[in-house]
Amino acid sequence: VYLLQEMGLKLGNTYGWYRRGPYSREAASDGFQLEPIQDNVENLPELTQEELNAAETLQELIAESAGRFTNDDKAYCMELLGSLHFVLKHGYPRPASKEEALRRFQELKPKFGEDSEIALELLDQKNLI
């Protein structure tokens, strides 16, 4: 949800850093409200072309990451990409370079190891950083 909003989906959520990465109380609350109706999506509002493009870009990003990380789990992938993006775009103090952001990210989330370098490359290729 964080990456979709950063790519242009107008959700109005505010995000801060939490243990696993970007976190929003609004997004969590929305998710709990949507859970009971997840199979009935007929009355959802239509997306704008910009929002459709954002969703397509995220799908491409996930597809292009398949087989590139040491863990192919989608949750791992989304945590890695979303967290690294957050550090690059919203880290405080703001990193002076991609290299500094990568170093800071690896200190915050050492479990991702060399995968963080691949994630940086993927985010850069999609012009998300």
Protein backbone atom coordinates (compact mmCIF):
# COMPACT_ATOMS: atom_id res chain seq x y z
CA VAL A 1 0.00 0.00 0.00
CA TYR A 2 2.88 2.37 0.85
CA LEU A 3 4.52 1.93 -2.56
CA LEU A 4 1.21 2.32 -4.40
CA GLN A 5 0.61 5.62 -2.64
CA GLU A 6 4.14 6.77 -3.38
CA MET A 7 3.57 5.90 -7.05
CA GLY A 8 0.41 7.99 -7.31
CA LEU A 9 -2.55 6.15 -5.79
CA LYS A 10 -4.40 8.82 -3.81
CA LEU A 11 -5.03 7.14 -0.46
CA GLY A 12 -4.19 9.98 1.94
CA ASN A 13 -2.28 7.83 4.42
CA THR A 14 0.61 9.13 6.49
CA TYR A 15 3.57 6.83 7.05
CA GLY A 16 6.27 6.63 9.65
CA TRP A 17 9.05 4.13 10.27
CA TYR A 18 8.15 1.06 12.31
CA ARG A 19 10.02 -2.19 13.00
CA ARG A 20 9.50 -3.74 9.57
CA GLY A 21 9.37 -0.55 7.55
CA PRO A 22 6.85 2.12 6.62
CA TYR A 23 3.68 1.92 8.72
CA SER A 24 0.39 3.80 8.60
CA ARG A 25 -2.39 3.57 11.19
CA GLU A 26 -4.86 4.70 8.50
CA ALA A 27 -3.78 1.95 6.10
CA ALA A 28 -3.95 -0.68 8.84
CA SER A 29 -7.43 0.47 9.83
CA ASP A 30 -8.56 0.46 6.19
CA GLY A 31 -7.23 -3.06 5.78
CA PHE A 32 -9.20 -4.33 8.77
CA GLN A 33 -12.37 -2.69 7.44
CA LEU A 34 -11.89 -4.22 3.99
CA GLU A 35 -11.15 -7.74 5.23
CA PRO A 36 -14.81 -8.77 5.70
CA ILE A 37 -15.76 -7.59 2.18
CA GLN A 38 -12.67 -8.77 0.30
CA ASP A 39 -14.72 -11.12 -1.90
CA ASN A 40 -17.30 -8.45 -2.81
CA VAL A 41 -15.44 -5.74 -4.72
CA GLU A 42 -18.27 -4.68 -7.05
CA ASN A 43 -18.84 -1.26 -5.44
CA LEU A 44 -15.27 -0.02 -5.32
CA PRO A 45 -14.55 3.32 -7.02
CA GLU A 46 -12.91 3.25 -10.44
CA LEU A 47 -9.23 4.08 -10.60
CA THR A 48 -7.83 6.95 -12.64
CA GLN A 49 -5.36 6.24 -15.43
CA GLU A 50 -2.54 7.48 -13.16
CA GLU A 51 -3.61 5.05 -10.45
CA LEU A 52 -3.87 2.18 -12.94
CA ASN A 53 -0.36 3.03 -14.16
CA ALA A 54 0.91 2.97 -10.56
CA ALA A 55 -0.60 -0.48 -9.99
CA GLU A 56 0.90 -1.73 -13.26
CA THR A 57 4.34 -0.36 -12.37
CA LEU A 58 4.21 -2.10 -8.99
CA GLN A 59 3.21 -5.39 -10.64
CA GLU A 60 6.15 -5.02 -13.05
CA LEU A 61 8.50 -4.27 -10.16
CA ILE A 62 7.38 -7.40 -8.30
CA ALA A 63 7.63 -9.52 -11.47
CA GLU A 64 11.12 -8.20 -12.24
CA SER A 65 12.28 -8.98 -8.70
CA ALA A 66 11.22 -12.63 -8.99
CA GLY A 67 14.24 -14.87 -8.72
CA ARG A 68 16.61 -11.98 -7.98
CA PHE A 69 16.40 -11.98 -4.19
CA THR A 70 17.59 -14.73 -1.87
CA ASN A 71 13.95 -15.13 -0.77
CA ASP A 72 11.14 -15.23 -3.37
CA ASP A 73 8.36 -14.63 -0.82
CA LYS A 74 6.25 -11.63 -1.89
CA ALA A 75 6.06 -10.31 1.67
CA TYR A 76 9.89 -10.32 1.81
CA CYS A 77 10.01 -8.52 -1.53
CA MET A 78 7.48 -5.86 -0.51
CA GLU A 79 9.13 -5.29 2.87
CA LEU A 80 12.51 -4.87 1.20
CA LEU A 81 11.36 -2.57 -1.62
CA GLY A 82 9.02 -0.49 0.55
CA SER A 83 11.48 -0.10 3.41
CA LEU A 84 14.39 0.84 1.16
CA HIS A 85 12.23 3.34 -0.72
CA PHE A 86 11.11 4.90 2.58
CA VAL A 87 14.71 5.33 3.78
CA LEU A 88 15.70 6.87 0.43
CA LYS A 89 12.76 9.27 0.22
CA HIS A 90 11.79 9.99 3.81
CA GLY A 91 14.79 9.04 5.96
CA TYR A 92 15.85 11.59 8.55
CA PRO A 93 18.26 13.09 8.20
CA ARG A 94 17.81 12.85 4.44
CA PRO A 95 20.59 10.70 2.95
CA ALA A 96 23.01 12.73 0.84
CA SER A 97 23.34 9.94 -1.74
CA LYS A 98 21.93 6.56 -2.74
CA GLU A 99 25.07 4.97 -1.30
CA GLU A 100 24.53 6.62 2.08
CA ALA A 101 20.87 5.57 2.07
CA LEU A 102 21.88 2.00 1.22
CA ARG A 103 24.42 1.93 4.06
CA ARG A 104 21.85 3.31 6.51
CA PHE A 105 19.25 0.82 5.30
CA GLN A 106 21.66 -2.09 5.74
CA GLU A 107 22.25 -0.94 9.33
CA LEU A 108 18.49 -0.79 9.99
CA LYS A 109 17.67 -4.05 8.20
CA PRO A 110 20.79 -6.24 8.01
CA LYS A 111 18.68 -9.33 7.23
CA PHE A 112 18.38 -8.21 3.59
CA GLY A 113 22.15 -8.27 2.97
CA GLU A 114 23.08 -8.01 -0.70
CA ASP A 115 19.41 -8.10 -1.70
CA SER A 116 19.24 -4.43 -0.72
CA GLU A 117 21.66 -3.55 -3.55
CA ILE A 118 19.48 -5.40 -6.06
CA ALA A 119 16.38 -3.64 -4.68
CA LEU A 120 18.11 -0.27 -5.10
CA GLU A 121 18.84 -1.11 -8.73
CA LEU A 122 15.21 -2.17 -9.35
CA LEU A 123 13.77 0.97 -7.73
CA ASP A 124 16.17 3.10 -9.75
CA GLN A 125 15.22 1.36 -13.02
CA LYS A 126 11.54 2.19 -12.37
CA ASN A 127 12.46 5.84 -11.58
CA LEU A 128 11.06 5.48 -8.07
CA ILE A 129 14.06 7.07 -6.38
